[in-house]
PDB file of N, CA and C in Angstrom:
ATOM      1  N   MET A   1      40.483  55.937  -8.066  1.00  0.00           N
ATOM      2  CA  MET A   1      41.758  55.596  -7.101  1.00  0.00           C
ATOM      3  C   MET A   1      41.064  55.489  -5.644  1.00  0.00           C
ATOM      4  N   LYS A   2      41.748  55.230  -4.620  1.00  0.00           N
ATOM      5  CA  LYS A   2      40.969  54.923  -3.148  1.00  0.00           C
ATOM      6  C   LYS A   2      41.952  55.836  -2.430  1.00  0.00           C
ATOM      7  N   SER A   3      41.344  56.099  -1.237  1.00  0.00           N
ATOM      8  CA  SER A   3      41.411  57.311  -0.637  1.00  0.00           C
ATOM      9  C   SER A   3      41.451  56.890   0.570  1.00  0.00           C
ATOM     10  N   VAL A   4      42.467  56.568   1.400  1.00  0.00           N
ATOM     11  CA  VAL A   4      43.030  55.994   2.062  1.00  0.00           C
ATOM     12  C   VAL A   4      43.771  57.677   3.717  1.00  0.00           C
ATOM     13  N   LEU A   5      42.635  56.921   4.873  1.00  0.00           N
ATOM     14  CA  LEU A   5      43.304  57.649   6.482  1.00  0.00           C
ATOM     15  C   LEU A   5      44.026  57.070   6.937  1.00  0.00           C
ATOM     16  N   ILE A   6      44.925  57.881   6.951  1.00  0.00           N
ATOM     17  CA  ILE A   6      46.280  56.915   8.019  1.00  0.00           C
ATOM     18  C   ILE A   6      45.914  57.694   9.385  1.00  0.00           C
ATOM     19  N   VAL A   7      45.700  56.792  10.260  1.00  0.00           N
ATOM     20  CA  VAL A   7      45.468  56.943  12.089  1.00  0.00           C
ATOM     21  C   VAL A   7      46.949  56.230  12.385  1.00  0.00           C
ATOM     22  N   ASP A   8      47.543  57.606  12.950  1.00  0.00           N
ATOM     23  CA  ASP A   8      48.536  56.996  14.219  1.00  0.00           C
ATOM     24  C   ASP A   8      49.042  57.922  14.665  1.00  0.00           C
ATOM     25  N   ASP A   9      49.241  57.367  15.969  1.00  0.00           N
ATOM     26  CA  ASP A   9      50.314  58.524  16.858  1.00  0.00           C
ATOM     27  C   ASP A   9      51.521  58.906  16.650  1.00  0.00           C
ATOM     28  N   SER A  10      51.991  58.165  16.265  1.00  0.00           N
ATOM     29  CA  SER A  10      53.513  57.958  15.774  1.00  0.00           C
ATOM     30  C   SER A  10      53.841  58.479  14.297  1.00  0.00           C
ATOM     31  N   VAL A  11      54.230  60.134  14.455  1.00  0.00           N
ATOM     32  CA  VAL A  11      54.901  60.759  12.925  1.00  0.00           C
ATOM     33  C   VAL A  11      55.230  59.835  11.981  1.00  0.00           C
ATOM     34  N   VAL A  12      56.604  58.914  12.624  1.00  0.00           N
ATOM     35  CA  VAL A  12      56.950  57.887  12.030  1.00  0.00           C
ATOM     36  C   VAL A  12      56.035  57.081  10.956  1.00  0.00           C
ATOM     37  N   SER A  13      55.055  56.275  11.850  1.00  0.00           N
ATOM     38  CA  SER A  13      54.894  55.479  11.549  1.00  0.00           C
ATOM     39  C   SER A  13      53.644  55.986  10.467  1.00  0.00           C
ATOM     40  N   ARG A  14      53.115  57.344  10.506  1.00  0.00           N
ATOM     41  CA  ARG A  14      52.613  58.362   9.925  1.00  0.00           C
ATOM     42  C   ARG A  14      53.244  58.033   8.051  1.00  0.00           C
ATOM     43  N   LYS A  15      54.085  58.848   8.278  1.00  0.00           N
ATOM     44  CA  LYS A  15      54.603  59.382   7.449  1.00  0.00           C
ATOM     45  C   LYS A  15      55.375  57.807   6.472  1.00  0.00           C
ATOM     46  N   MET A  16      55.903  56.904   6.942  1.00  0.00           N
ATOM     47  CA  MET A  16      55.943  55.425   6.357  1.00  0.00           C
ATOM     48  C   MET A  16      54.835  54.651   5.614  1.00  0.00           C
ATOM     49  N   LEU A  17      53.437  54.684   6.166  1.00  0.00           N
ATOM     50  CA  LEU A  17      52.503  54.617   5.410  1.00  0.00           C
ATOM     51  C   LEU A  17      51.880  55.508   4.243  1.00  0.00           C
ATOM     52  N   ALA A  18      52.103  56.821   4.631  1.00  0.00           N
ATOM     53  CA  ALA A  18      51.662  57.461   3.651  1.00  0.00           C
ATOM     54  C   ALA A  18      52.475  57.089   2.534  1.00  0.00           C
ATOM     55  N   LYS A  19      54.440  57.183   2.705  1.00  0.00           N
ATOM     56  CA  LYS A  19      54.662  57.050   1.296  1.00  0.00           C
ATOM     57  C   LYS A  19      54.741  55.733   1.078  1.00  0.00           C
ATOM     58  N   LEU A  20      54.449  54.745   1.265  1.00  0.00           N
ATOM     59  CA  LEU A  20      54.131  52.973   0.949  1.00  0.00           C
ATOM     60  C   LEU A  20      52.397  53.108   0.249  1.00  0.00           C
ATOM     61  N   ILE A  21      52.034  54.045   0.468  1.00  0.00           N
ATOM     62  CA  ILE A  21      50.313  54.304  -0.255  1.00  0.00           C
ATOM     63  C   ILE A  21      50.300  54.708  -1.418  1.00  0.00           C
ATOM     64  N   GLU A  22      51.201  56.268  -1.487  1.00  0.00           N
ATOM     65  CA  GLU A  22      51.343  56.979  -2.116  1.00  0.00           C
ATOM     66  C   GLU A  22      51.956  56.512  -3.503  1.00  0.00           C
ATOM     67  N   SER A  23      52.851  55.641  -2.964  1.00  0.00           N
ATOM     68  CA  SER A  23      53.764  55.023  -4.116  1.00  0.00           C
ATOM     69  C   SER A  23      52.975  53.520  -5.241  1.00  0.00           C
ATOM     70  N   SER A  24      52.136  53.200  -4.288  1.00  0.00           N
ATOM     71  CA  SER A  24      51.301  52.203  -4.444  1.00  0.00           C
ATOM     72  C   SER A  24      50.052  52.846  -5.252  1.00  0.00           C
ATOM     73  N   GLY A  25      50.008  53.981  -5.676  1.00  0.00           N
ATOM     74  CA  GLY A  25      48.964  54.522  -6.567  1.00  0.00           C
ATOM     75  C   GLY A  25      47.510  55.336  -5.869  1.00  0.00           C
ATOM     76  N   TYR A  26      47.691  54.962  -4.610  1.00  0.00           N
ATOM     77  CA  TYR A  26      46.386  55.350  -4.058  1.00  0.00           C
ATOM     78  C   TYR A  26      46.567  56.754  -3.498  1.00  0.00           C
ATOM     79  N   THR A  27      45.539  57.511  -2.634  1.00  0.00           N
ATOM     80  CA  THR A  27      45.491  58.857  -2.473  1.00  0.00           C
ATOM     81  C   THR A  27      44.999  58.878  -0.680  1.00  0.00           C
ATOM     82  N   VAL A  28      46.305  59.669  -0.232  1.00  0.00           N
ATOM     83  CA  VAL A  28      45.948  59.854   1.396  1.00  0.00           C
ATOM     84  C   VAL A  28      45.434  61.163   1.314  1.00  0.00           C
ATOM     85  N   ALA A  29      43.647  60.743   1.987  1.00  0.00           N
ATOM     86  CA  ALA A  29      43.086  61.457   1.815  1.00  0.00           C
ATOM     87  C   ALA A  29      43.397  62.483   3.543  1.00  0.00           C
ATOM     88  N   SER A  30      43.859  62.522   4.384  1.00  0.00           N
ATOM     89  CA  SER A  30      43.995  62.839   5.573  1.00  0.00           C
ATOM     90  C   SER A  30      45.211  62.263   6.242  1.00  0.00           C
ATOM     91  N   GLN A  31      45.488  62.718   7.629  1.00  0.00           N
ATOM     92  CA  GLN A  31      46.174  62.080   8.430  1.00  0.00           C
ATOM     93  C   GLN A  31      45.973  62.333   9.632  1.00  0.00           C
ATOM     94  N   ALA A  32      45.579  61.674  11.138  1.00  0.00           N
ATOM     95  CA  ALA A  32      45.142  61.780  12.102  1.00  0.00           C
ATOM     96  C   ALA A  32      45.914  60.993  13.183  1.00  0.00           C
ATOM     97  N   ILE A  33      45.774  61.670  14.189  1.00  0.00           N
ATOM     98  CA  ILE A  33      46.994  61.712  15.824  1.00  0.00           C
ATOM     99  C   ILE A  33      46.703  60.353  16.715  1.00  0.00           C
ATOM    100  N   ASN A  34      44.819  60.624  16.711  1.00  0.00           N
ATOM    101  CA  ASN A  34      44.406  59.752  17.538  1.00  0.00           C
ATOM    102  C   ASN A  34      42.507  59.789  17.018  1.00  0.00           C
ATOM    103  N   GLY A  35      42.137  58.953  17.825  1.00  0.00           N
ATOM    104  CA  GLY A  35      40.651  57.990  16.933  1.00  0.00           C
ATOM    105  C   GLY A  35      39.940  58.863  16.895  1.00  0.00           C
ATOM    106  N   LYS A  36      39.477  60.014  18.095  1.00  0.00           N
ATOM    107  CA  LYS A  36      38.776  60.819  18.734  1.00  0.00           C
ATOM    108  C   LYS A  36      38.747  62.084  16.748  1.00  0.00           C
ATOM    109  N   GLU A  37      40.202  62.416  16.282  1.00  0.00           N
ATOM    110  CA  GLU A  37      40.076  63.466  14.889  1.00  0.00           C
ATOM    111  C   GLU A  37      40.219  62.066  13.836  1.00  0.00           C
ATOM    112  N   ALA A  38      39.685  60.887  13.523  1.00  0.00           N
ATOM    113  CA  ALA A  38      40.207  60.017  12.907  1.00  0.00           C
ATOM    114  C   ALA A  38      38.355  59.813  12.916  1.00  0.00           C
ATOM    115  N   LEU A  39      37.567  59.813  14.080  1.00  0.00           N
ATOM    116  CA  LEU A  39      36.158  60.277  13.546  1.00  0.00           C
ATOM    117  C   LEU A  39      35.898  61.357  12.972  1.00  0.00           C
ATOM    118  N   GLU A  40      36.174  62.142  13.212  1.00  0.00           N
ATOM    119  CA  GLU A  40      36.230  64.031  12.885  1.00  0.00           C
ATOM    120  C   GLU A  40      36.700  63.906  11.395  1.00  0.00           C
ATOM    121  N   LEU A  41      37.757  62.980  10.943  1.00  0.00           N
ATOM    122  CA  LEU A  41      37.623  63.832   9.861  1.00  0.00           C
ATOM    123  C   LEU A  41      37.144  62.162   8.600  1.00  0.00           C
ATOM    124  N   TYR A  42      36.697  61.351   9.401  1.00  0.00           N
ATOM    125  CA  TYR A  42      35.553  60.369   8.263  1.00  0.00           C
ATOM    126  C   TYR A  42      34.255  60.668   8.147  1.00  0.00           C
ATOM    127  N   LYS A  43      33.964  61.025   8.843  1.00  0.00           N
ATOM    128  CA  LYS A  43      32.523  62.057   8.390  1.00  0.00           C
ATOM    129  C   LYS A  43      32.907  62.825   7.801  1.00  0.00           C
ATOM    130  N   LYS A  44      34.148  63.962   7.682  1.00  0.00           N
ATOM    131  CA  LYS A  44      34.341  64.779   7.042  1.00  0.00           C
ATOM    132  C   LYS A  44      34.715  64.606   5.699  1.00  0.00           C
ATOM    133  N   LEU A  45      35.588  63.123   5.283  1.00  0.00           N
ATOM    134  CA  LEU A  45      36.118  63.146   3.919  1.00  0.00           C
ATOM    135  C   LEU A  45      35.455  62.064   3.150  1.00  0.00           C
ATOM    136  N   SER A  46      34.495  61.287   3.910  1.00  0.00           N
ATOM    137  CA  SER A  46      34.251  59.506   3.424  1.00  0.00           C
ATOM    138  C   SER A  46      35.722  58.940   2.904  1.00  0.00           C
ATOM    139  N   PRO A  47      36.820  58.148   3.289  1.00  0.00           N
ATOM    140  CA  PRO A  47      37.787  57.676   2.305  1.00  0.00           C
ATOM    141  C   PRO A  47      37.405  56.697   2.468  1.00  0.00           C
ATOM    142  N   ASP A  48      37.833  56.384   0.980  1.00  0.00           N
ATOM    143  CA  ASP A  48      37.611  54.422   1.012  1.00  0.00           C
ATOM    144  C   ASP A  48      38.118  53.576   2.285  1.00  0.00           C
ATOM    145  N   VAL A  49      39.688  54.015   2.416  1.00  0.00           N
ATOM    146  CA  VAL A  49      40.149  53.064   3.224  1.00  0.00           C
ATOM    147  C   VAL A  49      40.183  53.548   4.748  1.00  0.00           C
ATOM    148  N   VAL A  50      40.585  52.897   6.160  1.00  0.00           N
ATOM    149  CA  VAL A  50      41.171  53.941   6.842  1.00  0.00           C
ATOM    150  C   VAL A  50      42.145  52.841   7.621  1.00  0.00           C
ATOM    151  N   THR A  51      43.535  53.479   7.352  1.00  0.00           N
ATOM    152  CA  THR A  51      44.341  52.723   8.212  1.00  0.00           C
ATOM    153  C   THR A  51      44.492  53.354   9.515  1.00  0.00           C
ATOM    154  N   MET A  52      44.524  52.185  10.649  1.00  0.00           N
ATOM    155  CA  MET A  52      44.377  52.723  12.178  1.00  0.00           C
ATOM    156  C   MET A  52      45.194  51.942  13.495  1.00  0.00           C
ATOM    157  N   ASP A  53      45.937  52.850  13.620  1.00  0.00           N
ATOM    158  CA  ASP A  53      46.552  51.680  15.348  1.00  0.00           C
ATOM    159  C   ASP A  53      45.803  51.735  16.131  1.00  0.00           C
ATOM    160  N   ILE A  54      45.762  51.179  17.231  1.00  0.00           N
ATOM    161  CA  ILE A  54      44.910  50.636  18.426  1.00  0.00           C
ATOM    162  C   ILE A  54      45.421  51.394  19.446  1.00  0.00           C
ATOM    163  N   THR A  55      46.407  51.468  20.020  1.00  0.00           N
ATOM    164  CA  THR A  55      47.475  52.273  21.134  1.00  0.00           C
ATOM    165  C   THR A  55      47.210  53.600  20.923  1.00  0.00           C
ATOM    166  N   MET A  56      46.574  54.630  21.043  1.00  0.00           N
ATOM    167  CA  MET A  56      46.629  55.738  20.866  1.00  0.00           C
ATOM    168  C   MET A  56      46.010  56.968  21.802  1.00  0.00           C
ATOM    169  N   PRO A  57      46.171  57.739  21.777  1.00  0.00           N
ATOM    170  CA  PRO A  57      45.930  58.994  23.366  1.00  0.00           C
ATOM    171  C   PRO A  57      44.639  59.257  22.765  1.00  0.00           C
ATOM    172  N   GLU A  58      43.227  60.043  23.668  1.00  0.00           N
ATOM    173  CA  GLU A  58      42.213  60.536  23.787  1.00  0.00           C
ATOM    174  C   GLU A  58      40.853  59.561  23.426  1.00  0.00           C
ATOM    175  N   MET A  59      41.866  58.678  21.877  1.00  0.00           N
ATOM    176  CA  MET A  59      40.520  57.765  22.006  1.00  0.00           C
ATOM    177  C   MET A  59      41.338  56.379  21.399  1.00  0.00           C
ATOM    178  N   ASN A  60      41.406  55.522  21.647  1.00  0.00           N
ATOM    179  CA  ASN A  60      41.903  54.374  20.917  1.00  0.00           C
ATOM    180  C   ASN A  60      41.381  53.728  20.074  1.00  0.00           C
ATOM    181  N   GLY A  61      41.790  53.491  19.219  1.00  0.00           N
ATOM    182  CA  GLY A  61      41.880  52.649  17.868  1.00  0.00           C
ATOM    183  C   GLY A  61      40.005  51.896  18.162  1.00  0.00           C
ATOM    184  N   MET A  62      40.325  50.837  18.692  1.00  0.00           N
ATOM    185  CA  MET A  62      39.186  49.675  18.645  1.00  0.00           C
ATOM    186  C   MET A  62      37.533  50.180  19.225  1.00  0.00           C
ATOM    187  N   ASP A  63      37.911  51.822  19.736  1.00  0.00           N
ATOM    188  CA  ASP A  63      36.598  52.811  20.574  1.00  0.00           C
ATOM    189  C   ASP A  63      36.180  53.742  18.931  1.00  0.00           C
ATOM    190  N   ALA A  64      37.320  53.765  18.059  1.00  0.00           N
ATOM    191  CA  ALA A  64      37.559  54.268  17.006  1.00  0.00           C
ATOM    192  C   ALA A  64      36.788  53.751  15.992  1.00  0.00           C
ATOM    193  N   LEU A  65      37.180  52.735  15.953  1.00  0.00           N
ATOM    194  CA  LEU A  65      36.617  51.622  15.042  1.00  0.00           C
ATOM    195  C   LEU A  65      35.063  51.205  15.171  1.00  0.00           C
ATOM    196  N   LYS A  66      34.927  51.098  16.163  1.00  0.00           N
ATOM    197  CA  LYS A  66      33.156  50.773  17.049  1.00  0.00           C
ATOM    198  C   LYS A  66      32.379  52.175  15.961  1.00  0.00           C
ATOM    199  N   MET A  67      32.897  53.465  16.408  1.00  0.00           N
ATOM    200  CA  MET A  67      32.024  54.277  16.141  1.00  0.00           C
ATOM    201  C   MET A  67      32.086  54.831  14.614  1.00  0.00           C
ATOM    202  N   ILE A  68      33.027  54.180  14.069  1.00  0.00           N
ATOM    203  CA  ILE A  68      33.047  54.649  12.668  1.00  0.00           C
ATOM    204  C   ILE A  68      31.979  53.947  11.944  1.00  0.00           C
ATOM    205  N   ARG A  69      31.828  52.816  12.660  1.00  0.00           N
ATOM    206  CA  ARG A  69      31.278  51.420  11.737  1.00  0.00           C
ATOM    207  C   ARG A  69      29.670  51.956  12.622  1.00  0.00           C
ATOM    208  N   ASP A  70      29.637  52.602  13.573  1.00  0.00           N
ATOM    209  CA  ASP A  70      28.119  53.082  13.988  1.00  0.00           C
ATOM    210  C   ASP A  70      27.302  54.074  13.071  1.00  0.00           C
ATOM    211  N   TYR A  71      28.978  54.720  12.559  1.00  0.00           N
ATOM    212  CA  TYR A  71      28.032  56.325  11.858  1.00  0.00           C
ATOM    213  C   TYR A  71      28.234  55.554  10.064  1.00  0.00           C
ATOM    214  N   ASP A  72      29.148  55.042   9.930  1.00  0.00           N
ATOM    215  CA  ASP A  72      29.410  53.845   8.703  1.00  0.00           C
ATOM    216  C   ASP A  72      29.359  52.389   8.409  1.00  0.00           C
ATOM    217  N   PRO A  73      28.373  51.876   8.732  1.00  0.00           N
ATOM    218  CA  PRO A  73      28.209  49.967   8.592  1.00  0.00           C
ATOM    219  C   PRO A  73      29.093  49.987   7.304  1.00  0.00           C
ATOM    220  N   ASP A  74      28.996  50.294   6.353  1.00  0.00           N
ATOM    221  CA  ASP A  74      30.812  49.964   5.145  1.00  0.00           C
ATOM    222  C   ASP A  74      31.358  50.314   5.490  1.00  0.00           C
ATOM    223  N   ALA A  75      32.112  51.154   6.499  1.00  0.00           N
ATOM    224  CA  ALA A  75      33.132  51.658   6.529  1.00  0.00           C
ATOM    225  C   ALA A  75      34.063  50.202   6.543  1.00  0.00           C
ATOM    226  N   LYS A  76      35.589  50.892   5.647  1.00  0.00           N
ATOM    227  CA  LYS A  76      36.463  49.579   5.539  1.00  0.00           C
ATOM    228  C   LYS A  76      37.523  50.279   6.477  1.00  0.00           C
ATOM    229  N   VAL A  77      37.751  49.683   7.942  1.00  0.00           N
ATOM    230  CA  VAL A  77      39.361  50.119   8.785  1.00  0.00           C
ATOM    231  C   VAL A  77      40.042  48.387   8.503  1.00  0.00           C
ATOM    232  N   ILE A  78      41.416  48.655   8.596  1.00  0.00           N
ATOM    233  CA  ILE A  78      42.274  48.243   8.984  1.00  0.00           C
ATOM    234  C   ILE A  78      43.029  48.234   9.624  1.00  0.00           C
ATOM    235  N   LEU A  79      43.079  48.216  11.122  1.00  0.00           N
ATOM    236  CA  LEU A  79      43.896  47.901  12.318  1.00  0.00           C
ATOM    237  C   LEU A  79      45.308  47.467  12.063  1.00  0.00           C
ATOM    238  N   ILE A  80      46.175  48.240  12.456  1.00  0.00           N
ATOM    239  CA  ILE A  80      47.708  48.084  11.889  1.00  0.00           C
ATOM    240  C   ILE A  80      48.069  48.373  13.602  1.00  0.00           C
ATOM    241  N   THR A  81      48.737  46.751  14.166  1.00  0.00           N
ATOM    242  CA  THR A  81      49.207  47.426  15.793  1.00  0.00           C
ATOM    243  C   THR A  81      49.884  46.620  16.455  1.00  0.00           C
ATOM    244  N   ALA A  82      50.941  46.942  17.524  1.00  0.00           N
ATOM    245  CA  ALA A  82      52.148  46.336  18.049  1.00  0.00           C
ATOM    246  C   ALA A  82      51.710  45.071  18.627  1.00  0.00           C
ATOM    247  N   ALA A  83      52.864  43.807  17.989  1.00  0.00           N
ATOM    248  CA  ALA A  83      52.648  42.929  18.485  1.00  0.00           C
ATOM    249  C   ALA A  83      52.397  42.687  19.635  1.00  0.00           C
ATOM    250  N   GLY A  84      51.675  41.194  20.819  1.00  0.00           N
ATOM    251  CA  GLY A  84      51.311  41.542  21.667  1.00  0.00           C
ATOM    252  C   GLY A  84      49.736  42.252  22.054  1.00  0.00           C
ATOM    253  N   GLN A  85      48.946  42.484  20.857  1.00  0.00           N
ATOM    254  CA  GLN A  85      47.888  43.110  20.419  1.00  0.00           C
ATOM    255  C   GLN A  85      46.697  41.611  20.321  1.00  0.00           C
ATOM    256  N   ILE A  86      47.694  40.567  19.939  1.00  0.00           N
ATOM    257  CA  ILE A  86      46.975  39.785  19.186  1.00  0.00           C
ATOM    258  C   ILE A  86      45.285  39.166  19.696  1.00  0.00           C
ATOM    259  N   GLU A  87      45.175  39.404  21.021  1.00  0.00           N
ATOM    260  CA  GLU A  87      44.566  39.398  21.956  1.00  0.00           C
ATOM    261  C   GLU A  87      43.260  40.071  21.149  1.00  0.00           C
ATOM    262  N   LYS A  88      43.288  41.023  20.594  1.00  0.00           N
ATOM    263  CA  LYS A  88      42.129  42.658  20.208  1.00  0.00           C
ATOM    264  C   LYS A  88      41.748  42.111  18.704  1.00  0.00           C
ATOM    265  N   LYS A  89      42.243  40.893  18.166  1.00  0.00           N
ATOM    266  CA  LYS A  89      41.900  40.465  17.317  1.00  0.00           C
ATOM    267  C   LYS A  89      40.496  40.033  17.042  1.00  0.00           C
ATOM    268  N   GLU A  90      40.260  39.646  17.690  1.00  0.00           N
ATOM    269  CA  GLU A  90      38.976  38.695  17.861  1.00  0.00           C
ATOM    270  C   GLU A  90      37.811  39.742  18.261  1.00  0.00           C
ATOM    271  N   LEU A  91      37.607  40.696  18.993  1.00  0.00           N
ATOM    272  CA  LEU A  91      36.954  42.105  19.566  1.00  0.00           C
ATOM    273  C   LEU A  91      37.064  43.111  17.873  1.00  0.00           C
ATOM    274  N   ALA A  92      38.249  42.919  17.757  1.00  0.00           N
ATOM    275  CA  ALA A  92      38.174  43.816  16.211  1.00  0.00           C
ATOM    276  C   ALA A  92      37.376  43.527  14.931  1.00  0.00           C
ATOM    277  N   MET A  93      37.451  41.487  14.931  1.00  0.00           N
ATOM    278  CA  MET A  93      36.862  41.539  13.621  1.00  0.00           C
ATOM    279  C   MET A  93      35.414  41.336  14.251  1.00  0.00           C
ATOM    280  N   GLU A  94      35.028  41.183  15.287  1.00  0.00           N
ATOM    281  CA  GLU A  94      33.352  41.184  16.081  1.00  0.00           C
ATOM    282  C   GLU A  94      32.914  43.192  15.547  1.00  0.00           C
ATOM    283  N   TYR A  95      33.804  44.140  15.594  1.00  0.00           N
ATOM    284  CA  TYR A  95      33.539  45.317  15.225  1.00  0.00           C
ATOM    285  C   TYR A  95      33.471  45.793  13.944  1.00  0.00           C
ATOM    286  N   GLY A  96      34.124  44.961  13.023  1.00  0.00           N
ATOM    287  CA  GLY A  96      33.863  44.970  11.778  1.00  0.00           C
ATOM    288  C   GLY A  96      34.925  45.056  11.119  1.00  0.00           C
ATOM    289  N   ALA A  97      36.485  45.076  11.683  1.00  0.00           N
ATOM    290  CA  ALA A  97      37.236  45.812  10.870  1.00  0.00           C
ATOM    291  C   ALA A  97      37.818  44.640   9.838  1.00  0.00           C
ATOM    292  N   ALA A  98      38.561  45.680   9.095  1.00  0.00           N
ATOM    293  CA  ALA A  98      38.012  45.219   7.527  1.00  0.00           C
ATOM    294  C   ALA A  98      39.573  43.852   7.772  1.00  0.00           C
ATOM    295  N   ALA A  99      40.137  43.904   8.453  1.00  0.00           N
ATOM    296  CA  ALA A  99      41.830  43.480   8.514  1.00  0.00           C
ATOM    297  C   ALA A  99      42.324  43.812   9.720  1.00  0.00           C
ATOM    298  N   PHE A 100      43.273  42.889  10.198  1.00  0.00           N
ATOM    299  CA  PHE A 100      44.101  43.011  11.581  1.00  0.00           C
ATOM    300  C   PHE A 100      45.110  42.655  11.253  1.00  0.00           C
ATOM    301  N   ILE A 101      46.088  43.759  11.350  1.00  0.00           N
ATOM    302  CA  ILE A 101      47.580  43.307  10.927  1.00  0.00           C
ATOM    303  C   ILE A 101      48.598  43.772  12.090  1.00  0.00           C
ATOM    304  N   THR A 102      49.751  43.315  12.222  1.00  0.00           N
ATOM    305  CA  THR A 102      50.695  43.516  13.466  1.00  0.00           C
ATOM    306  C   THR A 102      51.976  43.856  12.911  1.00  0.00           C
ATOM    307  N   LYS A 103      52.572  44.880  14.352  1.00  0.00           N
ATOM    308  CA  LYS A 103      53.790  45.337  13.709  1.00  0.00           C
ATOM    309  C   LYS A 103      54.865  44.758  14.289  1.00  0.00           C
ATOM    310  N   PRO A 104      56.099  44.419  13.420  1.00  0.00           N
ATOM    311  CA  PRO A 104      56.583  44.983  12.479  1.00  0.00           C
ATOM    312  C   PRO A 104      55.487  44.285  10.837  1.00  0.00           C
ATOM    313  N   TYR A 105      55.198  45.139  10.244  1.00  0.00           N
ATOM    314  CA  TYR A 105      54.154  44.145   8.879  1.00  0.00           C
ATOM    315  C   TYR A 105      55.392  44.245   7.714  1.00  0.00           C
ATOM    316  N   ASP A 106      54.404  43.805   6.871  1.00  0.00           N
ATOM    317  CA  ASP A 106      55.312  43.476   5.352  1.00  0.00           C
ATOM    318  C   ASP A 106      54.368  44.270   4.522  1.00  0.00           C
ATOM    319  N   ASN A 107      55.149  45.236   4.201  1.00  0.00           N
ATOM    320  CA  ASN A 107      54.110  46.306   3.278  1.00  0.00           C
ATOM    321  C   ASN A 107      53.424  45.578   2.389  1.00  0.00           C
ATOM    322  N   GLN A 108      53.663  44.627   1.389  1.00  0.00           N
ATOM    323  CA  GLN A 108      52.890  43.707   0.581  1.00  0.00           C
ATOM    324  C   GLN A 108      51.405  43.309   1.874  1.00  0.00           C
ATOM    325  N   ASP A 109      51.403  43.664   2.902  1.00  0.00           N
ATOM    326  CA  ASP A 109      50.624  42.540   3.871  1.00  0.00           C
ATOM    327  C   ASP A 109      49.056  44.207   3.839  1.00  0.00           C
ATOM    328  N   ILE A 110      49.960  45.177   3.913  1.00  0.00           N
ATOM    329  CA  ILE A 110      49.393  46.359   4.106  1.00  0.00           C
ATOM    330  C   ILE A 110      48.092  46.588   2.636  1.00  0.00           C
ATOM    331  N   LEU A 111      49.378  46.404   1.427  1.00  0.00           N
ATOM    332  CA  LEU A 111      48.650  46.848   0.086  1.00  0.00           C
ATOM    333  C   LEU A 111      47.654  45.504  -0.242  1.00  0.00           C
ATOM    334  N   ASP A 112      47.910  44.186   0.216  1.00  0.00           N
ATOM    335  CA  ASP A 112      46.825  43.706  -0.013  1.00  0.00           C
ATOM    336  C   ASP A 112      45.484  44.094   0.735  1.00  0.00           C
ATOM    337  N   ALA A 113      45.296  44.746   2.063  1.00  0.00           N
ATOM    338  CA  ALA A 113      44.728  44.163   2.936  1.00  0.00           C
ATOM    339  C   ALA A 113      43.697  45.654   2.385  1.00  0.00           C
ATOM    340  N   ILE A 114      44.776  46.684   1.847  1.00  0.00           N
ATOM    341  CA  ILE A 114      43.548  47.683   1.170  1.00  0.00           C
ATOM    342  C   ILE A 114      43.560  47.571   0.010  1.00  0.00           C
ATOM    343  N   GLU A 115      43.649  46.381  -0.849  1.00  0.00           N
ATOM    344  CA  GLU A 115      42.817  46.021  -2.468  1.00  0.00           C
ATOM    345  C   GLU A 115      41.915  45.565  -2.107  1.00  0.00           C
ATOM    346  N   LYS A 116      42.038  44.528  -0.720  1.00  0.00           N
ATOM    347  CA  LYS A 116      41.035  43.717  -0.398  1.00  0.00           C
ATOM    348  C   LYS A 116      39.480  44.410  -0.181  1.00  0.00           C
ATOM    349  N   CYS A 117      39.825  46.010   0.187  1.00  0.00           N
ATOM    350  CA  CYS A 117      38.593  46.422   0.595  1.00  0.00           C
ATOM    351  C   CYS A 117      38.002  47.234  -0.501  1.00  0.00           C
TER     352      CYS A 117
END
């Protein structure tokens, strides 16, 4: 069973993702509110997959993606971001993102991305 680390500064977004992930048979390893916390939790828990927002306080998702992938080149990180951030998709793929999904997203897109990881 895959474990997923959810990273988003929005409590509502984290709750919605956690419910979706758990109802689909995956485990939520933990939740983080910013990229700094995500990096610490990734090192501690080694989740199979990370879902990460881009716009967050303290450390954004792009910086966290880069640092997680520097720490673990095999890390599977799915970036989930508000529409209008599409210009970041190219950079995200360059940094090694497993997928790039824009909000509002279709639940199936999230599950497909986790499955591909």
